């Protein structure tokens, strides 16, 4: 009888552990942050780490966009003003890690143009998510009274994230839209604001064999 009770207890324990593991994933395993060819992702394992392909995509990409956009702003300021280049210039996340900046900026009349590559090492600006891997940014900004406004930032390549979510995030010609003050426009902005955006490119979430490709900004017919 005792053997039967012990066997039943073990079976229940296995079921509970299996159920718990179905939501939370290993951010440092092959499906999450493992397999990096550039950068590093070793933090964030203590978060929920829900697979990107199993969560609300708009909520997840908003968190990621904010980190990716803020990193660009910080990297842009690290490149010499006017026309100049940067090679392995380090910028630090306000919360964690750092990124190495390579690239150039060119000033053409009233437009500053940027071509930057950021390689992330446990990077986190706000502590909301951690980033490893690398991204390429193609950007420009109108220069008005020595202030850069009305930015255009397009992102390419792939990063890995950990924290609230985990998995790979691949950007392909993805426009990070900004307002006239140069601030990122949220995917949850009012529709009258979103209607002014001409969306570009795609984002692909990947965890293990599961992928999901989308653009979170609305497609306006006739544009």
Protein backbone atom coordinates (compact mmCIF):
# COMPACT_ATOMS: atom_id res chain seq x y z
CA UNK A 1 0.00 0.00 0.00
CA UNK A 2 2.81 2.40 0.89
CA UNK A 3 4.43 1.70 -2.48
CA UNK A 4 1.16 2.57 -4.24
CA UNK A 5 0.84 5.85 -2.31
CA UNK A 6 4.45 6.75 -3.11
CA UNK A 7 3.95 6.00 -6.80
CA UNK A 8 0.82 8.15 -6.89
CA UNK A 9 2.66 11.02 -5.19
CA UNK A 10 5.51 10.83 -7.69
CA UNK A 11 3.05 10.82 -10.61
CA UNK A 12 1.25 13.92 -9.29
CA UNK A 13 4.57 15.69 -8.76
CA UNK A 14 5.66 14.96 -12.34
CA UNK A 15 2.36 16.28 -13.71
CA UNK A 16 2.67 19.49 -11.68
CA UNK A 17 6.26 20.09 -12.76
CA UNK A 18 5.38 19.42 -16.40
CA UNK A 19 2.47 21.85 -16.29
CA UNK A 20 4.59 24.56 -14.73
CA UNK A 21 7.29 24.19 -17.37
CA UNK A 22 4.91 24.61 -20.31
CA UNK A 23 4.64 28.38 -19.86
CA UNK A 24 8.03 29.47 -18.60
CA UNK A 25 10.89 28.77 -21.00
CA UNK A 26 14.66 28.68 -20.64
CA UNK A 27 15.92 32.00 -22.06
CA UNK A 28 19.49 30.76 -22.28
CA UNK A 29 18.64 27.50 -24.04
CA UNK A 30 18.70 26.90 -27.80
CA UNK A 31 15.20 28.30 -28.31
CA UNK A 32 15.81 31.41 -26.25
CA UNK A 33 19.13 33.21 -25.92
CA UNK A 34 21.42 30.34 -26.87
CA UNK A 35 23.26 30.11 -30.16
CA UNK A 36 24.43 33.72 -30.35
CA UNK A 37 27.10 34.45 -32.95
CA UNK A 38 27.52 38.05 -31.77
CA UNK A 39 27.03 39.73 -28.44
CA UNK A 40 25.92 38.00 -25.26
CA UNK A 41 22.72 37.13 -23.42
CA UNK A 42 23.28 35.74 -19.94
CA UNK A 43 20.78 37.72 -17.86
CA UNK A 44 17.01 37.60 -17.51
CA UNK A 45 16.67 33.96 -16.49
CA UNK A 46 14.74 34.98 -13.37
CA UNK A 47 11.86 36.48 -15.38
CA UNK A 48 8.68 34.75 -16.60
CA UNK A 49 10.36 34.11 -19.98
CA UNK A 50 7.25 33.27 -21.93
CA UNK A 51 7.95 32.12 -25.47
CA UNK A 52 7.49 35.06 -27.85
CA UNK A 53 5.38 32.95 -30.17
CA UNK A 54 2.84 32.25 -27.41
CA UNK A 55 2.13 35.79 -26.13
CA UNK A 56 0.30 38.89 -27.34
CA UNK A 57 2.57 40.08 -30.14
CA UNK A 58 1.69 43.79 -29.87
CA UNK A 59 2.47 43.93 -26.15
CA UNK A 60 5.76 42.11 -26.64
CA UNK A 61 6.96 44.18 -29.59
CA UNK A 62 6.13 47.42 -27.78
CA UNK A 63 8.52 46.48 -24.96
CA UNK A 64 11.19 45.41 -27.45
CA UNK A 65 10.74 48.46 -29.71
CA UNK A 66 11.28 50.80 -26.77
CA UNK A 67 14.59 49.13 -25.91
CA UNK A 68 15.75 48.98 -29.53
CA UNK A 69 14.78 52.61 -30.20
CA UNK A 70 16.37 53.98 -27.02
CA UNK A 71 19.58 52.11 -27.85
CA UNK A 72 19.64 53.83 -31.24
CA UNK A 73 19.25 57.26 -29.65
CA UNK A 74 22.13 56.59 -27.28
CA UNK A 75 24.30 55.16 -30.07
CA UNK A 76 23.60 58.13 -32.30
CA UNK A 77 24.96 60.50 -29.69
CA UNK A 78 28.14 58.40 -29.47
CA UNK A 79 28.99 59.01 -33.13
CA UNK A 80 30.95 62.23 -33.83
CA UNK A 81 28.75 65.17 -34.82
CA UNK A 82 28.61 66.14 -38.49
CA UNK A 83 30.30 63.55 -40.67
CA UNK A 84 32.23 60.97 -38.68
CA UNK A 85 32.69 57.30 -37.87
CA UNK A 86 32.56 55.16 -34.76
CA UNK A 87 34.39 51.88 -34.20
CA UNK A 88 33.58 49.68 -31.21
CA UNK A 89 32.36 52.65 -29.18
CA UNK A 90 30.77 51.39 -25.97
CA UNK A 91 27.42 52.64 -24.73
CA UNK A 92 25.97 51.35 -21.47
CA UNK A 93 22.41 50.41 -20.74
CA UNK A 94 20.85 52.51 -17.98
CA UNK A 95 19.84 49.27 -16.25
CA UNK A 96 22.25 46.59 -17.46
CA UNK A 97 24.96 45.64 -19.91
CA UNK A 98 26.37 47.53 -22.84
CA UNK A 99 26.46 47.70 -26.63
CA UNK A 100 29.30 48.30 -29.07
CA UNK A 101 28.59 50.85 -31.78
CA UNK A 102 30.14 50.73 -35.25
CA UNK A 103 29.13 52.94 -38.13
CA UNK A 104 29.02 56.42 -39.53
CA UNK A 105 27.01 59.61 -39.72
CA UNK A 106 26.85 62.07 -42.59
CA UNK A 107 25.44 65.58 -42.50
CA UNK A 108 23.83 66.62 -45.76
CA UNK A 109 22.51 70.18 -45.55
CA UNK A 110 19.70 69.92 -42.97
CA UNK A 111 19.62 66.12 -42.77
CA UNK A 112 21.79 63.85 -40.62
CA UNK A 113 22.08 60.31 -42.00
CA UNK A 114 23.15 57.32 -39.93
CA UNK A 115 24.35 53.79 -40.69
CA UNK A 116 25.00 52.05 -37.40
CA UNK A 117 25.55 48.53 -36.13
CA UNK A 118 24.93 47.78 -32.46
CA UNK A 119 26.17 44.58 -30.83
CA UNK A 120 24.40 43.94 -27.54
CA UNK A 121 25.83 42.36 -24.39
CA UNK A 122 23.06 41.78 -21.80
CA UNK A 123 21.80 45.23 -22.77
CA UNK A 124 18.81 46.74 -20.98
CA UNK A 125 17.86 50.39 -20.96
CA UNK A 126 14.82 50.28 -18.67
CA UNK A 127 15.14 46.86 -17.06
CA UNK A 128 12.05 45.64 -18.88
CA UNK A 129 13.92 43.14 -21.06
CA UNK A 130 17.48 42.00 -21.82
CA UNK A 131 19.01 41.92 -25.31
CA UNK A 132 21.84 39.99 -26.93
CA UNK A 133 22.89 39.81 -30.59
CA UNK A 134 23.25 42.64 -33.10
CA UNK A 135 21.15 45.03 -35.19
CA UNK A 136 21.78 47.36 -38.09
CA UNK A 137 20.10 50.77 -38.09
CA UNK A 138 19.57 52.94 -41.16
CA UNK A 139 18.46 56.32 -39.91
CA UNK A 140 18.04 59.98 -40.69
CA UNK A 141 16.89 63.08 -38.86
CA UNK A 142 15.98 66.59 -39.88
CA UNK A 143 18.19 69.18 -38.23
CA UNK A 144 16.30 72.27 -37.03
CA UNK A 145 18.07 74.92 -34.95
CA UNK A 146 20.81 72.39 -34.13
CA UNK A 147 18.20 69.91 -32.85
CA UNK A 148 17.51 66.64 -34.65
CA UNK A 149 13.79 66.14 -35.10
CA UNK A 150 11.47 64.02 -37.24
CA UNK A 151 13.60 60.90 -37.27
CA UNK A 152 13.42 57.97 -39.61
CA UNK A 153 14.84 54.74 -38.18
CA UNK A 154 14.78 51.41 -40.06
CA UNK A 155 16.09 48.24 -38.41
CA UNK A 156 17.56 44.99 -39.79
CA UNK A 157 18.93 41.71 -38.42
CA UNK A 158 18.26 39.62 -35.32
CA UNK A 159 18.49 39.83 -31.55
CA UNK A 160 17.66 37.50 -28.68
CA UNK A 161 15.68 38.62 -25.66
CA UNK A 162 15.03 37.39 -22.12
CA UNK A 163 13.03 38.55 -19.13
CA UNK A 164 9.25 38.76 -19.53
CA UNK A 165 9.60 37.02 -22.90
CA UNK A 166 12.25 34.92 -24.56
CA UNK A 167 13.13 34.03 -28.12
CA UNK A 168 14.61 35.49 -31.28
CA UNK A 169 13.41 38.74 -32.85
CA UNK A 170 14.30 39.33 -36.49
CA UNK A 171 13.75 42.74 -38.08
CA UNK A 172 13.61 43.13 -41.84
CA UNK A 173 13.41 46.75 -43.02
CA UNK A 174 11.24 47.48 -39.99
CA UNK A 175 10.39 51.15 -39.51
CA UNK A 176 10.36 52.44 -35.94
CA UNK A 177 7.99 55.39 -36.42
CA UNK A 178 8.54 58.60 -34.50
CA UNK A 179 6.61 61.83 -34.03
CA UNK A 180 7.71 65.37 -34.86
CA UNK A 181 9.66 65.55 -31.59
CA UNK A 182 11.62 62.42 -32.42
CA UNK A 183 9.84 60.16 -29.90
CA UNK A 184 8.81 56.59 -30.69
CA UNK A 185 5.13 56.19 -31.57
CA UNK A 186 3.58 53.40 -29.53
CA UNK A 187 1.72 50.57 -31.24
CA UNK A 188 -1.08 51.45 -28.81
CA UNK A 189 -1.28 55.12 -29.85
CA UNK A 190 -4.72 56.54 -30.77
CA UNK A 191 -5.92 55.54 -34.21
CA UNK A 192 -5.75 59.11 -35.55
CA UNK A 193 -2.01 59.01 -34.81
CA UNK A 194 -1.49 55.50 -36.21
CA UNK A 195 -3.34 56.45 -39.41
CA UNK A 196 -0.53 58.88 -40.25
CA UNK A 197 2.09 56.11 -40.26
CA UNK A 198 3.14 54.42 -43.48
CA UNK A 199 4.26 51.11 -42.06
CA UNK A 200 7.31 49.38 -43.45
CA UNK A 201 9.01 46.02 -43.02
CA UNK A 202 8.33 43.06 -40.78
CA UNK A 203 9.22 41.50 -37.44
CA UNK A 204 9.55 37.75 -36.94
CA UNK A 205 9.26 36.17 -33.50
CA UNK A 206 10.88 32.75 -33.23
CA UNK A 207 11.07 30.22 -30.45
CA UNK A 208 12.35 26.75 -31.31
CA UNK A 209 10.47 25.68 -34.48
CA UNK A 210 7.63 28.20 -34.04
CA UNK A 211 7.67 31.51 -35.93
CA UNK A 212 5.29 34.43 -36.34
CA UNK A 213 5.86 37.29 -38.81
CA UNK A 214 3.93 40.55 -38.54
CA UNK A 215 3.97 44.34 -38.41
CA UNK A 216 2.16 45.76 -35.35
CA UNK A 217 1.18 49.02 -36.99
CA UNK A 218 -2.12 49.13 -38.91
CA UNK A 219 -2.25 48.73 -42.67
CA UNK A 220 -4.12 51.72 -44.08
CA UNK A 221 -5.80 50.85 -47.38
CA UNK A 222 -4.91 53.04 -50.32
CA UNK A 223 -1.51 54.03 -48.89
